[in-house]
PDB file of all heavy atoms in Angstrom:
ATOM      1  N   ASN A   1     166.719 298.439  12.217  1.00  0.00           N
ATOM      2  CA  ASN A   1     165.841 299.446  11.559  1.00  0.00           C
ATOM      3  C   ASN A   1     166.030 299.573  10.044  1.00  0.00           C
ATOM      4  O   ASN A   1     165.042 299.885   9.382  1.00  0.00           O
ATOM      5  CB  ASN A   1     166.144 300.921  12.140  1.00  0.00           C
ATOM      6  CG  ASN A   1     165.805 300.953  13.653  1.00  0.00           C
ATOM      7  OD1 ASN A   1     164.755 300.380  14.056  1.00  0.00           O
ATOM      8  ND2 ASN A   1     166.593 301.641  14.392  1.00  0.00           N
ATOM      9  N   ASN A   2     167.216 299.073   9.494  1.00  0.00           N
ATOM     10  CA  ASN A   2     167.481 299.331   8.069  1.00  0.00           C
ATOM     11  C   ASN A   2     167.734 298.091   7.195  1.00  0.00           C
ATOM     12  O   ASN A   2     167.705 298.191   6.105  1.00  0.00           O
ATOM     13  CB  ASN A   2     168.555 300.362   7.908  1.00  0.00           C
ATOM     14  CG  ASN A   2     168.209 301.517   8.574  1.00  0.00           C
ATOM     15  OD1 ASN A   2     167.162 302.344   8.468  1.00  0.00           O
ATOM     16  ND2 ASN A   2     169.231 302.074   9.386  1.00  0.00           N
ATOM     17  N   ALA A   3     168.295 297.052   7.840  1.00  0.00           N
ATOM     18  CA  ALA A   3     168.659 295.902   7.014  1.00  0.00           C
ATOM     19  C   ALA A   3     167.529 294.977   6.650  1.00  0.00           C
ATOM     20  O   ALA A   3     166.892 294.547   7.561  1.00  0.00           O
ATOM     21  CB  ALA A   3     169.821 295.121   7.720  1.00  0.00           C
ATOM     22  N   GLU A   4     167.452 294.673   5.337  1.00  0.00           N
ATOM     23  CA  GLU A   4     166.398 293.911   4.909  1.00  0.00           C
ATOM     24  C   GLU A   4     166.507 292.455   5.422  1.00  0.00           C
ATOM     25  O   GLU A   4     167.745 291.967   5.295  1.00  0.00           O
ATOM     26  CB  GLU A   4     166.451 293.867   3.440  1.00  0.00           C
ATOM     27  CG  GLU A   4     165.312 293.029   2.766  1.00  0.00           C
ATOM     28  CD  GLU A   4     165.372 292.981   1.251  1.00  0.00           C
ATOM     29  OE1 GLU A   4     166.130 293.795   0.646  1.00  0.00           O
ATOM     30  OE2 GLU A   4     164.817 292.058   0.658  1.00  0.00           O
ATOM     31  N   GLY A   5     165.492 291.942   6.009  1.00  0.00           N
ATOM     32  CA  GLY A   5     165.650 290.628   6.441  1.00  0.00           C
ATOM     33  C   GLY A   5     166.165 290.398   7.821  1.00  0.00           C
ATOM     34  O   GLY A   5     166.315 289.192   8.240  1.00  0.00           O
ATOM     35  N   CYS A   6     166.667 291.413   8.472  1.00  0.00           N
ATOM     36  CA  CYS A   6     167.227 291.202   9.871  1.00  0.00           C
ATOM     37  C   CYS A   6     166.008 291.149  10.780  1.00  0.00           C
ATOM     38  O   CYS A   6     165.269 292.007  11.127  1.00  0.00           O
ATOM     39  CB  CYS A   6     168.125 292.244  10.225  1.00  0.00           C
ATOM     40  SG  CYS A   6     168.899 292.168  11.896  1.00  0.00           S
ATOM     41  N   VAL A   7     165.994 290.027  11.449  1.00  0.00           N
ATOM     42  CA  VAL A   7     164.827 289.636  12.312  1.00  0.00           C
ATOM     43  C   VAL A   7     165.176 289.984  13.872  1.00  0.00           C
ATOM     44  O   VAL A   7     164.398 290.592  14.576  1.00  0.00           O
ATOM     45  CB  VAL A   7     164.445 288.146  12.367  1.00  0.00           C
ATOM     46  CG1 VAL A   7     163.415 287.829  13.377  1.00  0.00           C
ATOM     47  CG2 VAL A   7     164.069 287.831  10.873  1.00  0.00           C
ATOM     48  N   LYS A   8     166.531 289.815  14.170  1.00  0.00           N
ATOM     49  CA  LYS A   8     166.952 289.968  15.636  1.00  0.00           C
ATOM     50  C   LYS A   8     168.521 290.168  15.599  1.00  0.00           C
ATOM     51  O   LYS A   8     169.119 289.615  14.856  1.00  0.00           O
ATOM     52  CB  LYS A   8     166.551 289.005  16.519  1.00  0.00           C
ATOM     53  CG  LYS A   8     166.883 289.133  17.967  1.00  0.00           C
ATOM     54  CD  LYS A   8     166.480 287.979  18.786  1.00  0.00           C
ATOM     55  CE  LYS A   8     166.770 288.318  20.189  1.00  0.00           C
ATOM     56  NZ  LYS A   8     165.520 287.971  21.032  1.00  0.00           N
ATOM     57  N   TYR A   9     168.915 291.055  16.323  1.00  0.00           N
ATOM     58  CA  TYR A   9     170.443 291.369  16.595  1.00  0.00           C
ATOM     59  C   TYR A   9     170.518 291.610  18.098  1.00  0.00           C
ATOM     60  O   TYR A   9     169.970 292.648  18.528  1.00  0.00           O
ATOM     61  CB  TYR A   9     170.921 292.553  15.731  1.00  0.00           C
ATOM     62  CG  TYR A   9     172.309 292.788  15.820  1.00  0.00           C
ATOM     63  CD1 TYR A   9     173.332 292.352  15.038  1.00  0.00           C
ATOM     64  CD2 TYR A   9     172.818 293.610  16.978  1.00  0.00           C
ATOM     65  CE1 TYR A   9     174.588 292.540  15.069  1.00  0.00           C
ATOM     66  CE2 TYR A   9     174.197 293.912  17.072  1.00  0.00           C
ATOM     67  CZ  TYR A   9     175.087 293.297  16.111  1.00  0.00           C
ATOM     68  OH  TYR A   9     176.434 293.668  16.291  1.00  0.00           O
ATOM     69  N   GLN A  10     171.290 290.901  18.751  1.00  0.00           N
ATOM     70  CA  GLN A  10     171.459 291.055  20.155  1.00  0.00           C
ATOM     71  C   GLN A  10     172.767 290.771  20.680  1.00  0.00           C
ATOM     72  O   GLN A  10     173.377 289.778  20.167  1.00  0.00           O
ATOM     73  CB  GLN A  10     170.397 290.107  20.893  1.00  0.00           C
ATOM     74  CG  GLN A  10     170.476 290.057  22.408  1.00  0.00           C
ATOM     75  CD  GLN A  10     169.526 289.075  23.003  1.00  0.00           C
ATOM     76  OE1 GLN A  10     168.400 288.951  22.384  1.00  0.00           O
ATOM     77  NE2 GLN A  10     169.831 288.503  23.983  1.00  0.00           N
ATOM     78  N   PHE A  11     173.302 291.525  21.507  1.00  0.00           N
ATOM     79  CA  PHE A  11     174.641 291.148  22.125  1.00  0.00           C
ATOM     80  C   PHE A  11     174.557 291.227  23.640  1.00  0.00           C
ATOM     81  O   PHE A  11     173.749 292.120  24.179  1.00  0.00           O
ATOM     82  CB  PHE A  11     175.769 292.024  21.537  1.00  0.00           C
ATOM     83  CG  PHE A  11     175.782 293.564  21.850  1.00  0.00           C
ATOM     84  CD1 PHE A  11     176.328 293.939  23.051  1.00  0.00           C
ATOM     85  CD2 PHE A  11     175.067 294.321  21.018  1.00  0.00           C
ATOM     86  CE1 PHE A  11     176.393 295.286  23.397  1.00  0.00           C
ATOM     87  CE2 PHE A  11     175.074 295.733  21.380  1.00  0.00           C
ATOM     88  CZ  PHE A  11     175.735 296.089  22.618  1.00  0.00           C
ATOM     89  N   THR A  12     175.287 290.483  24.343  1.00  0.00           N
ATOM     90  CA  THR A  12     175.376 290.382  25.693  1.00  0.00           C
ATOM     91  C   THR A  12     176.797 290.330  26.201  1.00  0.00           C
ATOM     92  O   THR A  12     177.542 289.604  25.595  1.00  0.00           O
ATOM     93  CB  THR A  12     174.547 289.123  26.202  1.00  0.00           C
ATOM     94  OG1 THR A  12     173.266 289.130  25.515  1.00  0.00           O
ATOM     95  CG2 THR A  12     174.371 289.081  27.729  1.00  0.00           C
ATOM     96  N   GLN A  13     176.990 291.069  27.216  1.00  0.00           N
ATOM     97  CA  GLN A  13     178.228 291.011  27.909  1.00  0.00           C
ATOM     98  C   GLN A  13     178.213 289.908  28.950  1.00  0.00           C
ATOM     99  O   GLN A  13     177.380 289.746  29.688  1.00  0.00           O
ATOM    100  CB  GLN A  13     178.679 292.379  28.561  1.00  0.00           C
ATOM    101  CG  GLN A  13     180.007 292.624  28.775  1.00  0.00           C
ATOM    102  CD  GLN A  13     180.275 294.042  29.272  1.00  0.00           C
ATOM    103  OE1 GLN A  13     179.354 294.867  29.442  1.00  0.00           O
ATOM    104  NE2 GLN A  13     181.470 294.438  29.329  1.00  0.00           N
ATOM    105  N   ASP A  14     179.360 289.229  29.128  1.00  0.00           N
ATOM    106  CA  ASP A  14     179.607 288.112  29.913  1.00  0.00           C
ATOM    107  C   ASP A  14     179.531 288.574  31.322  1.00  0.00           C
ATOM    108  O   ASP A  14     180.130 289.664  31.712  1.00  0.00           O
ATOM    109  CB  ASP A  14     180.866 287.338  29.626  1.00  0.00           C
ATOM    110  CG  ASP A  14     180.930 286.169  30.508  1.00  0.00           C
ATOM    111  OD1 ASP A  14     181.160 286.065  31.746  1.00  0.00           O
ATOM    112  OD2 ASP A  14     180.830 284.997  29.866  1.00  0.00           O
ATOM    113  N   LEU A  15     178.749 288.030  32.290  1.00  0.00           N
ATOM    114  CA  LEU A  15     178.723 288.396  33.632  1.00  0.00           C
ATOM    115  C   LEU A  15     180.027 288.256  34.453  1.00  0.00           C
ATOM    116  O   LEU A  15     180.343 289.029  35.333  1.00  0.00           O
ATOM    117  CB  LEU A  15     177.529 287.767  34.392  1.00  0.00           C
ATOM    118  CG  LEU A  15     176.113 288.042  33.823  1.00  0.00           C
ATOM    119  CD1 LEU A  15     175.173 287.355  34.549  1.00  0.00           C
ATOM    120  CD2 LEU A  15     175.824 289.561  33.989  1.00  0.00           C
ATOM    121  N   GLU A  16     180.739 287.275  34.114  1.00  0.00           N
ATOM    122  CA  GLU A  16     181.978 286.840  34.900  1.00  0.00           C
ATOM    123  C   GLU A  16     183.292 287.468  34.226  1.00  0.00           C
ATOM    124  O   GLU A  16     184.104 287.879  35.065  1.00  0.00           O
ATOM    125  CB  GLU A  16     182.140 285.435  35.046  1.00  0.00           C
ATOM    126  CG  GLU A  16     181.033 284.745  35.801  1.00  0.00           C
ATOM    127  CD  GLU A  16     181.104 283.200  35.913  1.00  0.00           C
ATOM    128  OE1 GLU A  16     182.209 282.734  35.518  1.00  0.00           O
ATOM    129  OE2 GLU A  16     180.257 282.568  36.390  1.00  0.00           O
ATOM    130  N   ASN A  17     183.197 287.719  32.982  1.00  0.00           N
ATOM    131  CA  ASN A  17     184.452 288.304  32.457  1.00  0.00           C
ATOM    132  C   ASN A  17     183.883 289.413  31.342  1.00  0.00           C
ATOM    133  O   ASN A  17     183.459 289.229  30.255  1.00  0.00           O
ATOM    134  CB  ASN A  17     185.139 287.248  31.484  1.00  0.00           C
ATOM    135  CG  ASN A  17     186.318 287.784  30.840  1.00  0.00           C
ATOM    136  OD1 ASN A  17     186.606 289.005  30.660  1.00  0.00           O
ATOM    137  ND2 ASN A  17     187.073 286.905  30.406  1.00  0.00           N
ATOM    138  N   GLU A  18     183.924 290.612  31.738  1.00  0.00           N
ATOM    139  CA  GLU A  18     183.421 291.738  30.883  1.00  0.00           C
ATOM    140  C   GLU A  18     184.004 291.895  29.600  1.00  0.00           C
ATOM    141  O   GLU A  18     183.483 292.573  28.792  1.00  0.00           O
ATOM    142  CB  GLU A  18     183.588 293.114  31.791  1.00  0.00           C
ATOM    143  CG  GLU A  18     184.879 293.592  31.896  1.00  0.00           C
ATOM    144  CD  GLU A  18     185.027 294.897  32.696  1.00  0.00           C
ATOM    145  OE1 GLU A  18     183.931 295.359  33.245  1.00  0.00           O
ATOM    146  OE2 GLU A  18     185.986 295.568  32.571  1.00  0.00           O
ATOM    147  N   ASN A  19     185.235 291.349  29.440  1.00  0.00           N
ATOM    148  CA  ASN A  19     185.834 291.410  28.081  1.00  0.00           C
ATOM    149  C   ASN A  19     185.330 290.510  27.095  1.00  0.00           C
ATOM    150  O   ASN A  19     185.737 290.443  25.857  1.00  0.00           O
ATOM    151  CB  ASN A  19     187.349 291.166  28.224  1.00  0.00           C
ATOM    152  CG  ASN A  19     188.079 292.262  29.004  1.00  0.00           C
ATOM    153  OD1 ASN A  19     187.616 292.470  30.173  1.00  0.00           O
ATOM    154  ND2 ASN A  19     188.980 292.926  28.467  1.00  0.00           N
ATOM    155  N   LEU A  20     184.316 289.516  27.421  1.00  0.00           N
ATOM    156  CA  LEU A  20     183.761 288.631  26.580  1.00  0.00           C
ATOM    157  C   LEU A  20     182.347 289.119  26.125  1.00  0.00           C
ATOM    158  O   LEU A  20     181.562 289.667  27.105  1.00  0.00           O
ATOM    159  CB  LEU A  20     183.618 287.304  27.233  1.00  0.00           C
ATOM    160  CG  LEU A  20     184.991 286.480  27.454  1.00  0.00           C
ATOM    161  CD1 LEU A  20     184.608 285.226  28.058  1.00  0.00           C
ATOM    162  CD2 LEU A  20     185.738 286.405  26.157  1.00  0.00           C
ATOM    163  N   VAL A  21     182.089 289.115  24.908  1.00  0.00           N
ATOM    164  CA  VAL A  21     180.750 289.466  24.420  1.00  0.00           C
ATOM    165  C   VAL A  21     180.198 288.443  23.592  1.00  0.00           C
ATOM    166  O   VAL A  21     180.872 287.882  22.731  1.00  0.00           O
ATOM    167  CB  VAL A  21     180.859 290.871  23.620  1.00  0.00           C
ATOM    168  CG1 VAL A  21     179.449 291.270  23.064  1.00  0.00           C
ATOM    169  CG2 VAL A  21     181.309 291.941  24.560  1.00  0.00           C
ATOM    170  N   TYR A  22     178.884 288.205  23.602  1.00  0.00           N
ATOM    171  CA  TYR A  22     178.192 287.242  22.749  1.00  0.00           C
ATOM    172  C   TYR A  22     177.269 287.995  21.855  1.00  0.00           C
ATOM    173  O   TYR A  22     176.532 288.754  22.302  1.00  0.00           O
ATOM    174  CB  TYR A  22     177.454 286.156  23.723  1.00  0.00           C
ATOM    175  CG  TYR A  22     178.247 285.556  24.655  1.00  0.00           C
ATOM    176  CD1 TYR A  22     178.439 286.112  26.126  1.00  0.00           C
ATOM    177  CD2 TYR A  22     178.970 284.409  24.383  1.00  0.00           C
ATOM    178  CE1 TYR A  22     179.215 285.568  26.924  1.00  0.00           C
ATOM    179  CE2 TYR A  22     179.900 283.822  25.297  1.00  0.00           C
ATOM    180  CZ  TYR A  22     179.956 284.315  26.588  1.00  0.00           C
ATOM    181  OH  TYR A  22     180.827 283.816  27.602  1.00  0.00           O
ATOM    182  N   LEU A  23     177.315 287.601  20.692  1.00  0.00           N
ATOM    183  CA  LEU A  23     176.432 288.209  19.696  1.00  0.00           C
ATOM    184  C   LEU A  23     175.635 287.260  18.890  1.00  0.00           C
ATOM    185  O   LEU A  23     176.011 286.293  18.477  1.00  0.00           O
ATOM    186  CB  LEU A  23     177.466 288.978  18.646  1.00  0.00           C
ATOM    187  CG  LEU A  23     176.879 289.665  17.395  1.00  0.00           C
ATOM    188  CD1 LEU A  23     175.990 290.876  17.803  1.00  0.00           C
ATOM    189  CD2 LEU A  23     177.884 290.148  16.434  1.00  0.00           C
ATOM    190  N   PHE A  24     174.273 287.653  18.788  1.00  0.00           N
ATOM    191  CA  PHE A  24     173.398 286.738  18.123  1.00  0.00           C
ATOM    192  C   PHE A  24     172.729 287.580  17.015  1.00  0.00           C
ATOM    193  O   PHE A  24     172.139 288.552  17.404  1.00  0.00           O
ATOM    194  CB  PHE A  24     172.454 286.182  19.087  1.00  0.00           C
ATOM    195  CG  PHE A  24     171.353 285.215  18.430  1.00  0.00           C
ATOM    196  CD1 PHE A  24     171.765 283.894  18.128  1.00  0.00           C
ATOM    197  CD2 PHE A  24     170.101 285.639  18.301  1.00  0.00           C
ATOM    198  CE1 PHE A  24     170.774 283.146  17.516  1.00  0.00           C
ATOM    199  CE2 PHE A  24     169.200 284.831  17.701  1.00  0.00           C
ATOM    200  CZ  PHE A  24     169.515 283.484  17.365  1.00  0.00           C
TER     201      PHE A  24
END
């Protein structure tokens, strides 16, 4: 909503290991 030029920000929690997160 606020950062100039941010097209996408997404994070996903791993299905097999909830302690792992992937950020794009």
